[in-house]
Amino acid sequence: MLPDTAVHVLTNGRAFASPEIADAWATVGHPELSAGIPIYAAVDHIHDYVVQARGAFDQTVLGVLQLKDRSQRVEIRVVLHAITAPRLRETCSWNARNLPFVDHVALMGMEHTGFAIANEDTLWIDPVDYQEKLKAGVHILAAAGVSVSIYNLPLCVLDPSVRPFAVQSISDWKNAYIHE
């Protein structure tokens, strides 16, 4: 084991609803192990629709609780698209009220890969169109003392008040600028 290497595992979090699975994860004992778990909405049927699994919201939240009960590191991930962005303020408020003990919340602009390409007509929303909700959500989380960051969005579309929360996460080869 590389004790100084951070290991961030992306998971839907549902399996951790099982105490045995959460125990097994905690038994790993790596101090820099964290689970990146999506919670797409504060409303169960919206989260379930996004992941296409009935009951997923309840299982996911229980999984987060099981991991945190075992002092494990958890990041909540919210990918921003046409289904999640309209309720972003409410989702951030719900996270601040119900999961203020998570280690981090990542608000992520949708990347055009995988299922996002196949479902572009359903998922695409111009990031400019949800900036007020993003700003409100970031400020709600920050005011609650929840660590929050913004990923995969260009600084030019972000309100100046949330730019300090933005992470340089867009690969160099994806950055393009208009020639002046």
C-alpha atoms as a PDB file:
ATOM      1  CA  MET A   1       0.000   0.000   0.000  1.00  0.00           C
ATOM      2  CA  LEU A   2       1.200   3.500  -0.788  1.00  0.00           C
ATOM      3  CA  PRO A   3       0.265   5.309   2.428  1.00  0.00           C
ATOM      4  CA  ASP A   4       0.627   8.807   1.023  1.00  0.00           C
ATOM      5  CA  THR A   5      -1.349   8.174  -2.159  1.00  0.00           C
ATOM      6  CA  ALA A   6      -4.899   9.477  -2.204  1.00  0.00           C
ATOM      7  CA  VAL A   7      -7.340   6.938  -3.617  1.00  0.00           C
ATOM      8  CA  HIS A   8     -10.680   8.356  -4.761  1.00  0.00           C
ATOM      9  CA  VAL A   9     -13.177   5.685  -5.818  1.00  0.00           C
ATOM     10  CA  LEU A  10     -16.211   6.706  -7.875  1.00  0.00           C
ATOM     11  CA  THR A  11     -19.192   4.609  -6.827  1.00  0.00           C
ATOM     12  CA  ASN A  12     -22.961   4.906  -6.841  1.00  0.00           C
ATOM     13  CA  GLY A  13     -22.771   4.275  -3.086  1.00  0.00           C
ATOM     14  CA  ARG A  14     -25.749   1.936  -2.993  1.00  0.00           C
ATOM     15  CA  ALA A  15     -23.840  -1.170  -1.910  1.00  0.00           C
ATOM     16  CA  PHE A  16     -22.667   0.645   1.228  1.00  0.00           C
ATOM     17  CA  ALA A  17     -26.246   0.520   2.499  1.00  0.00           C
ATOM     18  CA  SER A  18     -25.218  -2.995   3.528  1.00  0.00           C
ATOM     19  CA  PRO A  19     -23.364  -2.817   6.871  1.00  0.00           C
ATOM     20  CA  GLU A  20     -21.137  -5.699   5.755  1.00  0.00           C
ATOM     21  CA  ILE A  21     -19.992  -3.827   2.647  1.00  0.00           C
ATOM     22  CA  ALA A  22     -19.422  -0.611   4.607  1.00  0.00           C
ATOM     23  CA  ASP A  23     -17.453  -2.601   7.207  1.00  0.00           C
ATOM     24  CA  ALA A  24     -15.310  -4.183   4.484  1.00  0.00           C
ATOM     25  CA  TRP A  25     -14.554  -0.744   3.010  1.00  0.00           C
ATOM     26  CA  ALA A  26     -13.599   0.628   6.432  1.00  0.00           C
ATOM     27  CA  THR A  27     -11.377  -2.395   7.091  1.00  0.00           C
ATOM     28  CA  VAL A  28      -9.110  -1.292   4.236  1.00  0.00           C
ATOM     29  CA  GLY A  29      -7.834   1.317   6.661  1.00  0.00           C
ATOM     30  CA  HIS A  30      -6.243   3.593   4.077  1.00  0.00           C
ATOM     31  CA  PRO A  31      -6.145   7.138   5.512  1.00  0.00           C
ATOM     32  CA  GLU A  32      -6.532   8.747   2.071  1.00  0.00           C
ATOM     33  CA  LEU A  33      -9.310   6.488   0.732  1.00  0.00           C
ATOM     34  CA  SER A  34     -12.477   8.329  -0.237  1.00  0.00           C
ATOM     35  CA  ALA A  35     -15.719   7.463  -1.979  1.00  0.00           C
ATOM     36  CA  GLY A  36     -17.153   9.839  -4.601  1.00  0.00           C
ATOM     37  CA  ILE A  37     -20.904   9.249  -4.480  1.00  0.00           C
ATOM     38  CA  PRO A  38     -23.490  11.045  -6.634  1.00  0.00           C
ATOM     39  CA  ILE A  39     -26.658  12.473  -5.152  1.00  0.00           C
ATOM     40  CA  TYR A  40     -28.334  14.098  -8.118  1.00  0.00           C
ATOM     41  CA  ALA A  41     -31.304  15.692  -6.384  1.00  0.00           C
ATOM     42  CA  ALA A  42     -32.899  16.198  -3.005  1.00  0.00           C
ATOM     43  CA  VAL A  43     -36.028  14.562  -4.396  1.00  0.00           C
ATOM     44  CA  ASP A  44     -35.901  10.779  -4.487  1.00  0.00           C
ATOM     45  CA  HIS A  45     -37.768  10.252  -7.755  1.00  0.00           C
ATOM     46  CA  ILE A  46     -35.485  12.681  -9.623  1.00  0.00           C
ATOM     47  CA  HIS A  47     -32.320  10.960  -8.380  1.00  0.00           C
ATOM     48  CA  ASP A  48     -33.877   7.575  -9.176  1.00  0.00           C
ATOM     49  CA  TYR A  49     -34.779   8.764 -12.686  1.00  0.00           C
ATOM     50  CA  VAL A  50     -31.245  10.008 -13.364  1.00  0.00           C
ATOM     51  CA  VAL A  51     -29.695   6.691 -12.298  1.00  0.00           C
ATOM     52  CA  GLN A  52     -32.595   4.661 -13.735  1.00  0.00           C
ATOM     53  CA  ALA A  53     -33.151   2.630 -10.547  1.00  0.00           C
ATOM     54  CA  ARG A  54     -36.156   2.846  -8.235  1.00  0.00           C
ATOM     55  CA  GLY A  55     -35.117   3.148  -4.590  1.00  0.00           C
ATOM     56  CA  ALA A  56     -31.582   4.263  -5.473  1.00  0.00           C
ATOM     57  CA  PHE A  57     -31.865   7.565  -3.586  1.00  0.00           C
ATOM     58  CA  ASP A  58     -32.673   5.858  -0.282  1.00  0.00           C
ATOM     59  CA  GLN A  59     -29.943   3.250  -0.779  1.00  0.00           C
ATOM     60  CA  THR A  60     -27.402   5.925  -1.702  1.00  0.00           C
ATOM     61  CA  VAL A  61     -28.166   8.116   1.310  1.00  0.00           C
ATOM     62  CA  LEU A  62     -28.037   5.082   3.601  1.00  0.00           C
ATOM     63  CA  GLY A  63     -24.701   4.148   2.029  1.00  0.00           C
ATOM     64  CA  VAL A  64     -23.310   7.617   2.769  1.00  0.00           C
ATOM     65  CA  LEU A  65     -24.548   7.377   6.357  1.00  0.00           C
ATOM     66  CA  GLN A  66     -23.033   3.909   6.798  1.00  0.00           C
ATOM     67  CA  LEU A  67     -19.635   5.113   5.555  1.00  0.00           C
ATOM     68  CA  LYS A  68     -19.633   8.261   7.678  1.00  0.00           C
ATOM     69  CA  ASP A  69     -20.723   6.183  10.710  1.00  0.00           C
ATOM     70  CA  ARG A  70     -17.447   4.316  10.187  1.00  0.00           C
ATOM     71  CA  SER A  71     -15.449   7.561   9.854  1.00  0.00           C
ATOM     72  CA  GLN A  72     -14.847   7.088   6.144  1.00  0.00           C
ATOM     73  CA  ARG A  73     -14.199   9.915   3.703  1.00  0.00           C
ATOM     74  CA  VAL A  74     -17.130  10.739   1.409  1.00  0.00           C
ATOM     75  CA  GLU A  75     -17.490  13.255  -1.392  1.00  0.00           C
ATOM     76  CA  ILE A  76     -20.977  13.995  -2.728  1.00  0.00           C
ATOM     77  CA  ARG A  77     -20.954  14.592  -6.492  1.00  0.00           C
ATOM     78  CA  VAL A  78     -23.667  16.486  -8.347  1.00  0.00           C
ATOM     79  CA  VAL A  79     -23.349  16.455 -12.134  1.00  0.00           C
ATOM     80  CA  LEU A  80     -25.112  19.490 -13.556  1.00  0.00           C
ATOM     81  CA  HIS A  81     -27.420  18.884 -16.502  1.00  0.00           C
ATOM     82  CA  ALA A  82     -30.964  19.713 -17.585  1.00  0.00           C
ATOM     83  CA  ILE A  83     -32.497  17.321 -15.043  1.00  0.00           C
ATOM     84  CA  THR A  84     -30.376  18.270 -12.016  1.00  0.00           C
ATOM     85  CA  ALA A  85     -29.588  21.958 -12.552  1.00  0.00           C
ATOM     86  CA  PRO A  86     -33.140  23.333 -12.147  1.00  0.00           C
ATOM     87  CA  ARG A  87     -33.236  22.019  -8.550  1.00  0.00           C
ATOM     88  CA  LEU A  88     -29.589  22.670  -7.687  1.00  0.00           C
ATOM     89  CA  ARG A  89     -30.330  25.225  -4.984  1.00  0.00           C
ATOM     90  CA  GLU A  90     -32.680  22.789  -3.240  1.00  0.00           C
ATOM     91  CA  THR A  91     -30.196  19.926  -3.623  1.00  0.00           C
ATOM     92  CA  CYS A  92     -27.406  21.979  -2.046  1.00  0.00           C
ATOM     93  CA  SER A  93     -29.717  23.097   0.753  1.00  0.00           C
ATOM     94  CA  TRP A  94     -30.733  19.479   1.389  1.00  0.00           C
ATOM     95  CA  ASN A  95     -27.084  18.396   1.490  1.00  0.00           C
ATOM     96  CA  ALA A  96     -26.214  21.240   3.881  1.00  0.00           C
ATOM     97  CA  ARG A  97     -29.075  20.281   6.218  1.00  0.00           C
ATOM     98  CA  ASN A  98     -28.907  16.499   6.026  1.00  0.00           C
ATOM     99  CA  LEU A  99     -25.291  15.641   5.189  1.00  0.00           C
ATOM    100  CA  PRO A 100     -23.194  18.526   6.572  1.00  0.00           C
ATOM    101  CA  PHE A 101     -20.632  16.015   7.813  1.00  0.00           C
ATOM    102  CA  VAL A 102     -19.517  14.818   4.378  1.00  0.00           C
ATOM    103  CA  ASP A 103     -15.945  15.679   3.493  1.00  0.00           C
ATOM    104  CA  HIS A 104     -16.685  17.513   0.280  1.00  0.00           C
ATOM    105  CA  VAL A 105     -19.383  18.363  -2.258  1.00  0.00           C
ATOM    106  CA  ALA A 106     -18.351  18.526  -5.924  1.00  0.00           C
ATOM    107  CA  LEU A 107     -20.624  20.441  -8.297  1.00  0.00           C
ATOM    108  CA  MET A 108     -19.618  19.268 -11.740  1.00  0.00           C
ATOM    109  CA  GLY A 109     -20.362  20.596 -15.174  1.00  0.00           C
ATOM    110  CA  MET A 110     -21.463  17.764 -17.435  1.00  0.00           C
ATOM    111  CA  GLU A 111     -18.747  16.393 -19.680  1.00  0.00           C
ATOM    112  CA  HIS A 112     -19.776  15.283 -23.145  1.00  0.00           C
ATOM    113  CA  THR A 113     -18.725  11.646 -22.883  1.00  0.00           C
ATOM    114  CA  GLY A 114     -20.415   8.266 -22.608  1.00  0.00           C
ATOM    115  CA  PHE A 115     -24.143   8.360 -21.870  1.00  0.00           C
ATOM    116  CA  ALA A 116     -24.106  12.171 -21.954  1.00  0.00           C
ATOM    117  CA  ILE A 117     -23.487  12.047 -25.702  1.00  0.00           C
ATOM    118  CA  ALA A 118     -26.223   9.482 -26.291  1.00  0.00           C
ATOM    119  CA  ASN A 119     -28.671  11.522 -24.190  1.00  0.00           C
ATOM    120  CA  GLU A 120     -27.591  15.026 -25.175  1.00  0.00           C
ATOM    121  CA  ASP A 121     -31.106  16.108 -26.195  1.00  0.00           C
ATOM    122  CA  THR A 122     -32.390  15.268 -22.707  1.00  0.00           C
ATOM    123  CA  LEU A 123     -29.387  16.387 -20.651  1.00  0.00           C
ATOM    124  CA  TRP A 124     -27.895  19.457 -22.320  1.00  0.00           C
ATOM    125  CA  ILE A 125     -28.337  22.808 -20.626  1.00  0.00           C
ATOM    126  CA  ASP A 126     -26.162  25.831 -21.245  1.00  0.00           C
ATOM    127  CA  PRO A 127     -24.133  26.444 -18.061  1.00  0.00           C
ATOM    128  CA  VAL A 128     -25.011  30.137 -18.310  1.00  0.00           C
ATOM    129  CA  ASP A 129     -28.648  29.187 -17.704  1.00  0.00           C
ATOM    130  CA  TYR A 130     -28.023  27.730 -14.234  1.00  0.00           C
ATOM    131  CA  GLN A 131     -25.462  30.182 -12.871  1.00  0.00           C
ATOM    132  CA  GLU A 132     -27.828  31.818 -10.357  1.00  0.00           C
ATOM    133  CA  LYS A 133     -28.754  28.417  -8.939  1.00  0.00           C
ATOM    134  CA  LEU A 134     -25.085  27.394  -8.865  1.00  0.00           C
ATOM    135  CA  LYS A 135     -24.145  30.594  -7.050  1.00  0.00           C
ATOM    136  CA  ALA A 136     -26.929  30.107  -4.499  1.00  0.00           C
ATOM    137  CA  GLY A 137     -26.016  26.454  -3.970  1.00  0.00           C
ATOM    138  CA  VAL A 138     -22.321  27.159  -3.453  1.00  0.00           C
ATOM    139  CA  HIS A 139     -23.081  29.912  -0.948  1.00  0.00           C
ATOM    140  CA  ILE A 140     -25.551  27.694   0.953  1.00  0.00           C
ATOM    141  CA  LEU A 141     -22.994  24.896   1.287  1.00  0.00           C
ATOM    142  CA  ALA A 142     -20.140  27.236   2.195  1.00  0.00           C
ATOM    143  CA  ALA A 143     -22.278  29.026   4.810  1.00  0.00           C
ATOM    144  CA  ALA A 144     -23.051  25.633   6.370  1.00  0.00           C
ATOM    145  CA  GLY A 145     -19.332  24.897   6.609  1.00  0.00           C
ATOM    146  CA  VAL A 146     -19.428  22.229   3.912  1.00  0.00           C
ATOM    147  CA  SER A 147     -16.344  22.054   1.692  1.00  0.00           C
ATOM    148  CA  VAL A 148     -17.537  22.692  -1.869  1.00  0.00           C
ATOM    149  CA  SER A 149     -15.842  22.936  -5.254  1.00  0.00           C
ATOM    150  CA  ILE A 150     -16.919  23.525  -8.847  1.00  0.00           C
ATOM    151  CA  TYR A 151     -15.472  21.343 -11.607  1.00  0.00           C
ATOM    152  CA  ASN A 152     -15.627  21.236 -15.405  1.00  0.00           C
ATOM    153  CA  LEU A 153     -16.966  24.738 -15.928  1.00  0.00           C
ATOM    154  CA  PRO A 154     -15.087  27.610 -17.564  1.00  0.00           C
ATOM    155  CA  LEU A 155     -14.401  30.578 -15.309  1.00  0.00           C
ATOM    156  CA  CYS A 156     -15.913  32.957 -17.845  1.00  0.00           C
ATOM    157  CA  VAL A 157     -19.426  31.630 -17.144  1.00  0.00           C
ATOM    158  CA  LEU A 158     -19.072  31.676 -13.352  1.00  0.00           C
ATOM    159  CA  ASP A 159     -20.237  34.515 -11.160  1.00  0.00           C
ATOM    160  CA  PRO A 160     -17.163  36.222  -9.658  1.00  0.00           C
ATOM    161  CA  SER A 161     -18.339  35.292  -6.147  1.00  0.00           C
ATOM    162  CA  VAL A 162     -17.993  31.562  -6.863  1.00  0.00           C
ATOM    163  CA  ARG A 163     -14.794  31.616  -8.912  1.00  0.00           C
ATOM    164  CA  PRO A 164     -12.683  30.914  -5.800  1.00  0.00           C
ATOM    165  CA  PHE A 165     -14.532  27.572  -5.523  1.00  0.00           C
ATOM    166  CA  ALA A 166     -13.643  26.566  -9.094  1.00  0.00           C
ATOM    167  CA  VAL A 167     -11.004  23.910  -9.634  1.00  0.00           C
ATOM    168  CA  GLN A 168      -8.797  23.830 -12.731  1.00  0.00           C
ATOM    169  CA  SER A 169     -10.152  20.485 -13.881  1.00  0.00           C
ATOM    170  CA  ILE A 170     -10.456  20.944 -17.632  1.00  0.00           C
ATOM    171  CA  SER A 171      -7.526  19.281 -19.383  1.00  0.00           C
ATOM    172  CA  ASP A 172      -5.173  21.567 -21.298  1.00  0.00           C
ATOM    173  CA  TRP A 173      -6.100  19.939 -24.594  1.00  0.00           C
ATOM    174  CA  LYS A 174      -9.782  20.773 -23.980  1.00  0.00           C
ATOM    175  CA  ASN A 175      -9.095  24.459 -23.379  1.00  0.00           C
ATOM    176  CA  ALA A 176      -9.646  26.565 -26.480  1.00  0.00           C
ATOM    177  CA  TYR A 177      -9.644  30.305 -26.839  1.00  0.00           C
ATOM    178  CA  ILE A 178     -10.936  32.613 -29.525  1.00  0.00           C
ATOM    179  CA  HIS A 179      -8.076  34.300 -31.334  1.00  0.00           C
ATOM    180  CA  GLU A 180      -8.161  38.073 -30.969  1.00  0.00           C
END
